[in-house]
Amino acid sequence: MTAPGAAPKLPFWKTIGEAYRAWFRHFGLLIRISWLWMLLLVVPLAMIDWMQAPGLMNLMAQLQRGVIADLPPVTMFWSLLGQLLLLPALSSVAVAWHRLLLRDEQPRPGLYLRLDGIVTGYGVFAFLIGVMLMVPGWLTGLASDPTPSRAGLSLLAGALSIVALVYAARLSLVLPAKALAEGGATLAMAWRMTRGNTARLFFGYLLCILPWSTIFSLFGRSMFAPEVGRAMVTFELVVSTLSWMIFGMVSIGFLSVSYRHFTQNTVAENTVTENAAGAPP
């Protein structure tokens, strides 16, 4: 029985399985709604990645020598600019994916470049959640030398990163609501809706991104090998960034299926409550 104030328990493996099945079942459609965005982003992303490649290459070379180092501010600027450039495209594709899984809404035939108020609202919330995830990592930049204070900040940043991921797993349920343009779609709503399901959402989301994160991590190791030049690093950065528009939709599907579970159960509970209240004494 559900504890007072807690949401109905999310069926963990069923939700994950449905997110993966949807990705494979609608893979052709996913390519159709993302390829034009990817094509438009190739050149600007290549320019940004070309600018940030030297800083990343230098950082990886120092880390491989066991030297503690931070990204130069200018490299962080180019990295953030690249993420902001990608945000509208990711939001556009994610909105279509949410609406497909939750309303069986097929994108219109032809080229897909949706960029309206719904996509903008979705992007704003996605940006806010993304900033929450990035802030802990910025703490390590407050100390530039390998001193006890830096070590303490690194430990604090690691702990806060885990906390941020846990919070983001629940707050991200606002994104399907924004994609459907439903009223009352706020971070507070998402927090209330998912009460009592923190671990299920956190580990479920993690399992939906783990295969692709592992591949990209291994890809990154070869990307920054000493013999790899700036042009190849730029090319591989562009490929890995744009690939996330495809592979990241598994996790977006997990949010969709989770949102459907919580909203359907909320409606059912409200109906039962109203029927009980209206029953004759």
Protein backbone atom coordinates (compact mmCIF):
# COMPACT_ATOMS: atom_id res chain seq x y z
CA MET A 1 0.00 0.00 0.00
CA THR A 2 1.30 3.49 -0.83
CA ALA A 3 2.47 5.51 2.13
CA PRO A 4 0.54 8.73 2.88
CA GLY A 5 1.85 11.55 0.69
CA ALA A 6 3.89 9.19 -1.49
CA ALA A 7 3.23 8.63 -5.20
CA PRO A 8 2.44 5.11 -6.50
CA LYS A 9 5.65 3.14 -6.94
CA LEU A 10 7.11 3.28 -10.42
CA PRO A 11 7.42 -0.20 -12.01
CA PHE A 12 11.19 -0.08 -12.35
CA TRP A 13 12.17 -2.67 -14.96
CA LYS A 14 8.94 -2.34 -16.92
CA THR A 15 9.50 1.40 -17.35
CA ILE A 16 13.10 0.94 -18.46
CA GLY A 17 12.13 -1.81 -20.88
CA GLU A 18 9.37 0.29 -22.42
CA ALA A 19 11.78 3.22 -22.92
CA TYR A 20 14.22 0.99 -24.82
CA ARG A 21 11.49 -0.74 -26.83
CA ALA A 22 10.06 2.61 -27.92
CA TRP A 23 13.52 3.73 -29.06
CA PHE A 24 14.00 0.67 -31.27
CA ARG A 25 10.40 0.62 -32.51
CA HIS A 26 10.40 4.27 -33.61
CA PHE A 27 14.06 4.54 -34.59
CA GLY A 28 13.25 5.45 -38.21
CA LEU A 29 11.00 8.28 -37.06
CA LEU A 30 13.69 9.48 -34.67
CA ILE A 31 16.13 9.79 -37.56
CA ARG A 32 13.53 11.72 -39.58
CA ILE A 33 12.95 14.34 -36.86
CA SER A 34 16.62 14.79 -36.01
CA TRP A 35 18.66 14.61 -39.23
CA LEU A 36 17.96 18.17 -40.39
CA TRP A 37 18.79 19.64 -36.99
CA MET A 38 22.04 17.66 -37.02
CA LEU A 39 22.88 18.88 -40.51
CA LEU A 40 22.30 22.52 -39.54
CA LEU A 41 24.48 22.18 -36.44
CA VAL A 42 27.49 20.52 -38.05
CA VAL A 43 29.30 23.69 -39.14
CA PRO A 44 28.67 25.89 -36.05
CA LEU A 45 29.51 23.00 -33.71
CA ALA A 46 32.68 22.29 -35.67
CA MET A 47 33.74 25.93 -35.27
CA ILE A 48 33.08 25.86 -31.52
CA ASP A 49 34.77 22.48 -31.03
CA TRP A 50 37.77 23.67 -33.03
CA MET A 51 38.16 26.53 -30.56
CA GLN A 52 37.84 24.37 -27.45
CA ALA A 53 39.89 21.40 -28.71
CA PRO A 54 43.35 22.76 -27.67
CA GLY A 55 42.22 23.34 -24.08
CA LEU A 56 40.69 19.88 -23.85
CA MET A 57 43.77 18.26 -25.38
CA ASN A 58 46.05 20.07 -22.95
CA LEU A 59 43.86 19.10 -19.99
CA MET A 60 43.84 15.43 -20.95
CA ALA A 61 47.61 15.45 -21.49
CA GLN A 62 48.13 16.85 -17.98
CA LEU A 63 45.72 14.37 -16.41
CA GLN A 64 47.50 11.48 -18.14
CA ARG A 65 50.73 12.69 -16.51
CA GLY A 66 49.02 12.74 -13.13
CA VAL A 67 48.87 16.53 -12.96
CA ILE A 68 45.73 18.05 -11.41
CA ALA A 69 44.39 20.67 -13.82
CA ASP A 70 41.24 22.62 -14.68
CA LEU A 71 39.74 23.66 -17.96
CA PRO A 72 40.85 27.16 -18.92
CA PRO A 73 38.00 29.69 -18.66
CA VAL A 74 38.03 30.28 -22.41
CA THR A 75 37.58 26.53 -23.02
CA MET A 76 34.69 26.45 -20.54
CA PHE A 77 33.14 29.36 -22.43
CA TRP A 78 33.28 27.52 -25.76
CA SER A 79 31.93 24.35 -24.16
CA LEU A 80 28.98 26.22 -22.63
CA LEU A 81 28.33 27.98 -25.94
CA GLY A 82 28.20 24.61 -27.69
CA GLN A 83 25.67 23.29 -25.19
CA LEU A 84 23.50 26.38 -25.61
CA LEU A 85 23.66 25.99 -29.38
CA LEU A 86 22.54 22.37 -29.10
CA LEU A 87 19.70 23.08 -26.65
CA PRO A 88 17.00 24.22 -29.14
CA ALA A 89 17.59 21.20 -31.37
CA LEU A 90 17.56 18.75 -28.47
CA SER A 91 14.43 20.37 -27.08
CA SER A 92 12.69 20.22 -30.45
CA VAL A 93 13.44 16.53 -30.95
CA ALA A 94 12.59 15.72 -27.32
CA VAL A 95 9.20 17.45 -27.56
CA ALA A 96 8.32 15.35 -30.61
CA TRP A 97 9.49 12.19 -28.81
CA HIS A 98 7.44 12.93 -25.67
CA ARG A 99 4.32 13.69 -27.68
CA LEU A 100 4.76 10.52 -29.74
CA LEU A 101 5.04 8.27 -26.68
CA LEU A 102 2.39 10.02 -24.58
CA ARG A 103 -0.19 11.01 -27.20
CA ASP A 104 0.77 8.88 -30.17
CA GLU A 105 1.19 12.18 -32.05
CA GLN A 106 3.09 11.74 -35.28
CA PRO A 107 5.18 14.69 -36.53
CA ARG A 108 3.88 16.20 -39.75
CA PRO A 109 5.26 14.70 -42.96
CA GLY A 110 8.25 16.43 -44.47
CA LEU A 111 11.06 18.33 -42.83
CA TYR A 112 10.93 18.66 -39.06
CA LEU A 113 12.25 21.88 -37.52
CA ARG A 114 9.73 22.66 -34.79
CA LEU A 115 10.71 25.72 -32.79
CA ASP A 116 7.69 27.27 -31.10
CA GLY A 117 6.58 28.32 -27.63
CA ILE A 118 6.30 24.73 -26.42
CA VAL A 119 9.85 23.93 -27.49
CA THR A 120 11.10 27.20 -25.95
CA GLY A 121 9.39 26.49 -22.63
CA TYR A 122 10.80 22.97 -22.65
CA GLY A 123 14.28 24.32 -23.36
CA VAL A 124 14.11 26.79 -20.46
CA PHE A 125 13.36 24.04 -17.94
CA ALA A 126 15.95 21.73 -19.50
CA PHE A 127 18.50 24.53 -19.19
CA LEU A 128 17.67 25.14 -15.52
CA ILE A 129 18.06 21.45 -14.69
CA GLY A 130 21.29 21.33 -16.69
CA VAL A 131 22.74 24.28 -14.77
CA MET A 132 21.91 22.53 -11.51
CA LEU A 133 23.94 19.54 -12.70
CA MET A 134 26.91 21.66 -13.81
CA VAL A 135 27.28 23.92 -10.77
CA PRO A 136 29.00 21.33 -8.51
CA GLY A 137 31.75 20.83 -11.07
CA TRP A 138 32.47 24.55 -11.13
CA LEU A 139 33.47 24.43 -7.46
CA THR A 140 36.77 22.78 -8.29
CA GLY A 141 37.71 25.86 -10.28
CA LEU A 142 37.72 27.94 -7.10
CA ALA A 143 41.10 26.54 -6.11
CA SER A 144 43.84 26.42 -8.74
CA ASP A 145 46.58 24.55 -6.84
CA PRO A 146 46.72 21.00 -5.46
CA THR A 147 46.21 22.15 -1.88
CA PRO A 148 44.08 20.74 0.96
CA SER A 149 41.46 23.37 0.19
CA ARG A 150 41.26 22.17 -3.41
CA ALA A 151 40.99 18.56 -2.29
CA GLY A 152 38.16 19.52 0.04
CA LEU A 153 36.36 21.37 -2.73
CA SER A 154 36.76 18.39 -5.05
CA LEU A 155 35.19 16.08 -2.46
CA LEU A 156 32.39 18.58 -1.89
CA ALA A 157 31.81 18.91 -5.63
CA GLY A 158 31.61 15.13 -6.00
CA ALA A 159 29.06 14.85 -3.20
CA LEU A 160 26.99 17.73 -4.56
CA SER A 161 27.08 16.19 -8.04
CA ILE A 162 25.43 13.05 -6.71
CA VAL A 163 22.83 15.13 -4.85
CA ALA A 164 22.16 17.16 -8.00
CA LEU A 165 21.67 13.99 -10.05
CA VAL A 166 19.21 12.66 -7.49
CA TYR A 167 17.22 15.90 -7.51
CA ALA A 168 17.35 16.13 -11.31
CA ALA A 169 15.92 12.63 -11.68
CA ARG A 170 12.72 13.81 -9.99
CA LEU A 171 12.56 17.38 -11.25
CA SER A 172 12.97 16.23 -14.86
CA LEU A 173 9.40 14.91 -14.79
CA VAL A 174 8.41 18.53 -15.51
CA LEU A 175 9.79 18.09 -19.04
CA PRO A 176 7.09 15.72 -20.38
CA ALA A 177 4.46 18.05 -18.91
CA LYS A 178 6.05 21.02 -20.73
CA ALA A 179 6.17 19.01 -23.96
CA LEU A 180 2.43 18.40 -23.68
CA ALA A 181 1.82 22.09 -22.82
CA GLU A 182 -0.10 21.09 -19.72
CA GLY A 183 -1.05 23.75 -17.20
CA GLY A 184 0.65 23.79 -13.82
CA ALA A 185 3.85 22.25 -15.18
CA THR A 186 6.36 23.40 -12.55
CA LEU A 187 9.36 21.97 -10.78
CA ALA A 188 7.30 21.84 -7.58
CA MET A 189 4.66 19.79 -9.38
CA ALA A 190 7.30 17.30 -10.56
CA TRP A 191 8.71 17.05 -7.03
CA ARG A 192 5.30 16.33 -5.50
CA MET A 193 4.35 13.88 -8.22
CA THR A 194 7.44 11.71 -7.71
CA ARG A 195 7.52 11.62 -3.90
CA GLY A 196 8.70 8.24 -2.66
CA ASN A 197 10.27 7.27 -6.01
CA THR A 198 13.67 8.97 -5.82
CA ALA A 199 15.79 5.82 -6.09
CA ARG A 200 13.65 4.29 -8.85
CA LEU A 201 13.86 7.42 -10.99
CA PHE A 202 17.56 7.97 -10.33
CA PHE A 203 18.71 4.43 -11.13
CA GLY A 204 16.20 4.04 -13.95
CA TYR A 205 17.43 7.18 -15.69
CA LEU A 206 21.02 6.06 -15.05
CA LEU A 207 20.43 2.69 -16.72
CA CYS A 208 18.90 4.44 -19.73
CA ILE A 209 22.01 6.53 -20.34
CA LEU A 210 24.65 4.06 -19.09
CA PRO A 211 25.24 2.13 -22.35
CA TRP A 212 25.72 5.28 -24.38
CA SER A 213 27.73 7.04 -21.66
CA THR A 214 30.07 4.06 -21.52
CA ILE A 215 30.53 4.08 -25.29
CA PHE A 216 31.20 7.82 -25.33
CA SER A 217 33.64 7.46 -22.42
CA LEU A 218 35.64 4.82 -24.28
CA PHE A 219 35.38 6.95 -27.41
CA GLY A 220 36.78 9.89 -25.45
CA ARG A 221 39.83 7.93 -24.30
CA SER A 222 40.90 7.31 -27.89
CA MET A 223 39.90 10.84 -28.89
CA PHE A 224 42.57 12.41 -26.71
CA ALA A 225 45.41 10.01 -27.46
CA PRO A 226 48.74 11.89 -27.88
CA GLU A 227 48.95 11.15 -31.60
CA VAL A 228 45.47 12.55 -32.36
CA GLY A 229 45.55 16.03 -33.87
CA ARG A 230 43.26 19.02 -33.41
CA ALA A 231 41.23 18.34 -36.55
CA MET A 232 40.46 14.76 -35.52
CA VAL A 233 39.53 15.84 -31.97
CA THR A 234 37.18 18.42 -33.46
CA PHE A 235 35.58 15.84 -35.75
CA GLU A 236 35.09 13.35 -32.92
CA LEU A 237 33.65 16.01 -30.61
CA VAL A 238 31.07 16.95 -33.26
CA VAL A 239 30.12 13.32 -33.87
CA SER A 240 29.75 12.49 -30.17
CA THR A 241 27.72 15.66 -29.52
CA LEU A 242 25.28 15.13 -32.38
CA SER A 243 24.96 11.42 -31.59
CA TRP A 244 23.44 12.32 -28.25
CA MET A 245 20.43 13.71 -30.11
CA ILE A 246 19.73 10.09 -31.10
CA PHE A 247 20.93 8.03 -28.14
CA GLY A 248 19.67 10.45 -25.51
CA MET A 249 16.07 9.77 -26.52
CA VAL A 250 16.10 6.53 -24.51
CA SER A 251 16.32 8.59 -21.33
CA ILE A 252 13.68 11.00 -22.67
CA GLY A 253 11.47 7.99 -23.26
CA PHE A 254 12.05 6.91 -19.65
CA LEU A 255 10.77 10.30 -18.50
CA SER A 256 7.72 9.95 -20.76
CA VAL A 257 6.78 6.50 -19.48
CA SER A 258 7.37 7.57 -15.87
CA TYR A 259 5.23 10.67 -16.33
CA ARG A 260 2.40 8.60 -17.79
CA HIS A 261 2.55 6.24 -14.80
CA PHE A 262 2.34 9.02 -12.23
CA THR A 263 -0.36 11.04 -13.99
CA GLN A 264 -2.56 8.02 -14.69
CA ASN A 265 -2.36 6.86 -11.09
CA THR A 266 -3.06 10.39 -9.83
CA VAL A 267 -6.20 10.60 -11.97
CA ALA A 268 -7.32 7.17 -10.80
CA GLU A 269 -6.78 8.07 -7.14
CA ASN A 270 -8.64 11.36 -7.54
CA THR A 271 -11.56 9.55 -9.18
CA VAL A 272 -11.76 7.05 -6.32
CA THR A 273 -11.64 9.88 -3.78
CA GLU A 274 -14.39 11.83 -5.56
CA ASN A 275 -16.60 8.75 -5.83
CA ALA A 276 -16.11 7.99 -2.15
CA ALA A 277 -16.94 11.57 -1.20
CA GLY A 278 -20.10 11.54 -3.30
CA ALA A 279 -21.32 8.17 -2.08
CA PRO A 280 -24.46 8.21 0.12
CA PRO A 281 -23.79 7.80 3.85
